[in-house]
Amino acid sequence: MTAVAGGVSDCDTPLRAVFQIDLNGKTVSISTVGQAHRFITSLGSIEWIEFRALHQDAVQALHRAAGNAMLTVQATDALRALFIRARLL
């Protein structure tokens, strides 16, 4: 379970928690580094502008976790902080 040559978005390393986010009436389940990276980078920068520092921290933590699975705890914590502050959880 490591990063795939395609990059962080293709990484199948599991996070330490599964996030269930309600978005536009649908539940989105995020359980891997790649899924989390795709989710927080697919939205435009305008959506994250209020939470820019937390967003940046989460993206950086996901990049590190994609290269080293031992860092998934930090990535999970950074995502949790972002999602709670953005009221997605």
C-alpha atoms as a PDB file:
ATOM      1  CA  MET A   1       0.000   0.000   0.000  1.00  0.00           C
ATOM      2  CA  THR A   2       2.115   2.803  -1.329  1.00  0.00           C
ATOM      3  CA  ALA A   3       1.812   5.659  -3.734  1.00  0.00           C
ATOM      4  CA  VAL A   4       1.323   4.608  -7.307  1.00  0.00           C
ATOM      5  CA  ALA A   5       3.454   6.090 -10.078  1.00  0.00           C
ATOM      6  CA  GLY A   6       0.472   8.250 -11.076  1.00  0.00           C
ATOM      7  CA  GLY A   7       0.846  10.434  -7.989  1.00  0.00           C
ATOM      8  CA  VAL A   8      -0.880  11.239  -4.733  1.00  0.00           C
ATOM      9  CA  SER A   9      -4.379  11.044  -6.238  1.00  0.00           C
ATOM     10  CA  ASP A  10      -3.761   7.403  -7.161  1.00  0.00           C
ATOM     11  CA  CYS A  11      -2.411   6.402  -3.742  1.00  0.00           C
ATOM     12  CA  ASP A  12      -4.418   3.600  -2.135  1.00  0.00           C
ATOM     13  CA  THR A  13      -2.834   3.886   1.318  1.00  0.00           C
ATOM     14  CA  PRO A  14      -5.673   3.812   3.863  1.00  0.00           C
ATOM     15  CA  LEU A  15      -6.237   6.723   6.197  1.00  0.00           C
ATOM     16  CA  ARG A  16      -6.632   6.053   9.928  1.00  0.00           C
ATOM     17  CA  ALA A  17     -10.332   6.961   9.736  1.00  0.00           C
ATOM     18  CA  VAL A  18     -13.093   6.826   7.152  1.00  0.00           C
ATOM     19  CA  PHE A  19     -14.738  10.191   6.608  1.00  0.00           C
ATOM     20  CA  GLN A  20     -18.427  10.228   5.617  1.00  0.00           C
ATOM     21  CA  ILE A  21     -19.241  13.644   4.163  1.00  0.00           C
ATOM     22  CA  ASP A  22     -22.692  14.783   3.029  1.00  0.00           C
ATOM     23  CA  LEU A  23     -22.258  16.842  -0.107  1.00  0.00           C
ATOM     24  CA  ASN A  24     -25.149  18.029  -2.245  1.00  0.00           C
ATOM     25  CA  GLY A  25     -27.458  15.390  -0.802  1.00  0.00           C
ATOM     26  CA  LYS A  26     -25.023  12.535  -1.404  1.00  0.00           C
ATOM     27  CA  THR A  27     -22.714  10.834   1.058  1.00  0.00           C
ATOM     28  CA  VAL A  28     -19.085  10.757   0.005  1.00  0.00           C
ATOM     29  CA  SER A  29     -16.865   8.197   1.704  1.00  0.00           C
ATOM     30  CA  ILE A  30     -13.166   9.019   1.963  1.00  0.00           C
ATOM     31  CA  SER A  31     -10.919   6.228   3.191  1.00  0.00           C
ATOM     32  CA  THR A  32      -7.616   6.488   1.307  1.00  0.00           C
ATOM     33  CA  VAL A  33      -4.932   9.110   0.770  1.00  0.00           C
ATOM     34  CA  GLY A  34      -5.808   9.261  -2.930  1.00  0.00           C
ATOM     35  CA  GLN A  35      -9.533   9.730  -2.353  1.00  0.00           C
ATOM     36  CA  ALA A  36      -8.857  12.503   0.157  1.00  0.00           C
ATOM     37  CA  HIS A  37      -6.419  14.236  -2.182  1.00  0.00           C
ATOM     38  CA  ARG A  38      -8.866  14.093  -5.083  1.00  0.00           C
ATOM     39  CA  PHE A  39     -11.666  15.432  -2.882  1.00  0.00           C
ATOM     40  CA  ILE A  40      -9.826  18.423  -1.445  1.00  0.00           C
ATOM     41  CA  THR A  41      -8.096  19.346  -4.695  1.00  0.00           C
ATOM     42  CA  SER A  42     -11.072  18.864  -7.036  1.00  0.00           C
ATOM     43  CA  LEU A  43     -12.958  21.738  -5.457  1.00  0.00           C
ATOM     44  CA  GLY A  44     -11.779  25.133  -6.613  1.00  0.00           C
ATOM     45  CA  SER A  45      -9.565  27.356  -4.522  1.00  0.00           C
ATOM     46  CA  ILE A  46     -12.536  29.666  -3.925  1.00  0.00           C
ATOM     47  CA  GLU A  47     -14.308  26.930  -1.934  1.00  0.00           C
ATOM     48  CA  TRP A  48     -11.284  26.544   0.350  1.00  0.00           C
ATOM     49  CA  ILE A  49     -10.198  30.223   0.558  1.00  0.00           C
ATOM     50  CA  GLU A  50     -11.597  30.665   4.077  1.00  0.00           C
ATOM     51  CA  PHE A  51      -9.675  27.600   5.228  1.00  0.00           C
ATOM     52  CA  ARG A  52      -6.541  28.168   3.131  1.00  0.00           C
ATOM     53  CA  ALA A  53      -4.000  27.340   5.855  1.00  0.00           C
ATOM     54  CA  LEU A  54      -5.805  24.155   6.935  1.00  0.00           C
ATOM     55  CA  HIS A  55      -6.268  23.152   3.288  1.00  0.00           C
ATOM     56  CA  GLN A  56      -2.576  23.674   2.586  1.00  0.00           C
ATOM     57  CA  ASP A  57      -1.623  21.639   5.654  1.00  0.00           C
ATOM     58  CA  ALA A  58      -3.905  18.781   4.595  1.00  0.00           C
ATOM     59  CA  VAL A  59      -2.575  18.713   1.017  1.00  0.00           C
ATOM     60  CA  GLN A  60       1.021  18.674   2.266  1.00  0.00           C
ATOM     61  CA  ALA A  61       0.242  15.944   4.795  1.00  0.00           C
ATOM     62  CA  LEU A  62      -1.382  13.823   2.075  1.00  0.00           C
ATOM     63  CA  HIS A  63       1.677  14.247  -0.152  1.00  0.00           C
ATOM     64  CA  ARG A  64       3.928  13.088   2.688  1.00  0.00           C
ATOM     65  CA  ALA A  65       1.621  10.144   3.508  1.00  0.00           C
ATOM     66  CA  ALA A  66       1.596   9.046  -0.124  1.00  0.00           C
ATOM     67  CA  GLY A  67       5.358   8.695   0.078  1.00  0.00           C
ATOM     68  CA  ASN A  68       5.459   7.205   3.581  1.00  0.00           C
ATOM     69  CA  ALA A  69       2.482   5.274   4.968  1.00  0.00           C
ATOM     70  CA  MET A  70       3.733   5.894   8.511  1.00  0.00           C
ATOM     71  CA  LEU A  71       2.532   9.490   8.091  1.00  0.00           C
ATOM     72  CA  THR A  72      -1.139   8.635   7.571  1.00  0.00           C
ATOM     73  CA  VAL A  73      -1.932   9.552  11.180  1.00  0.00           C
ATOM     74  CA  GLN A  74      -0.785  13.136  10.564  1.00  0.00           C
ATOM     75  CA  ALA A  75      -2.658  13.248   7.242  1.00  0.00           C
ATOM     76  CA  THR A  76      -5.833  11.957   8.896  1.00  0.00           C
ATOM     77  CA  ASP A  77      -5.526  14.557  11.650  1.00  0.00           C
ATOM     78  CA  ALA A  78      -4.981  17.365   9.125  1.00  0.00           C
ATOM     79  CA  LEU A  79      -8.048  16.260   7.146  1.00  0.00           C
ATOM     80  CA  ARG A  80     -10.161  16.007  10.287  1.00  0.00           C
ATOM     81  CA  ALA A  81      -9.178  19.568  11.298  1.00  0.00           C
ATOM     82  CA  LEU A  82     -10.033  20.883   7.818  1.00  0.00           C
ATOM     83  CA  PHE A  83     -13.346  19.047   7.588  1.00  0.00           C
ATOM     84  CA  ILE A  84     -14.454  20.079  11.092  1.00  0.00           C
ATOM     85  CA  ARG A  85     -13.538  23.722  10.537  1.00  0.00           C
ATOM     86  CA  ALA A  86     -15.335  23.669   7.164  1.00  0.00           C
ATOM     87  CA  ARG A  87     -18.319  22.011   8.900  1.00  0.00           C
ATOM     88  CA  LEU A  88     -18.254  19.028   6.611  1.00  0.00           C
ATOM     89  CA  LEU A  89     -18.203  16.614   9.567  1.00  0.00           C
END
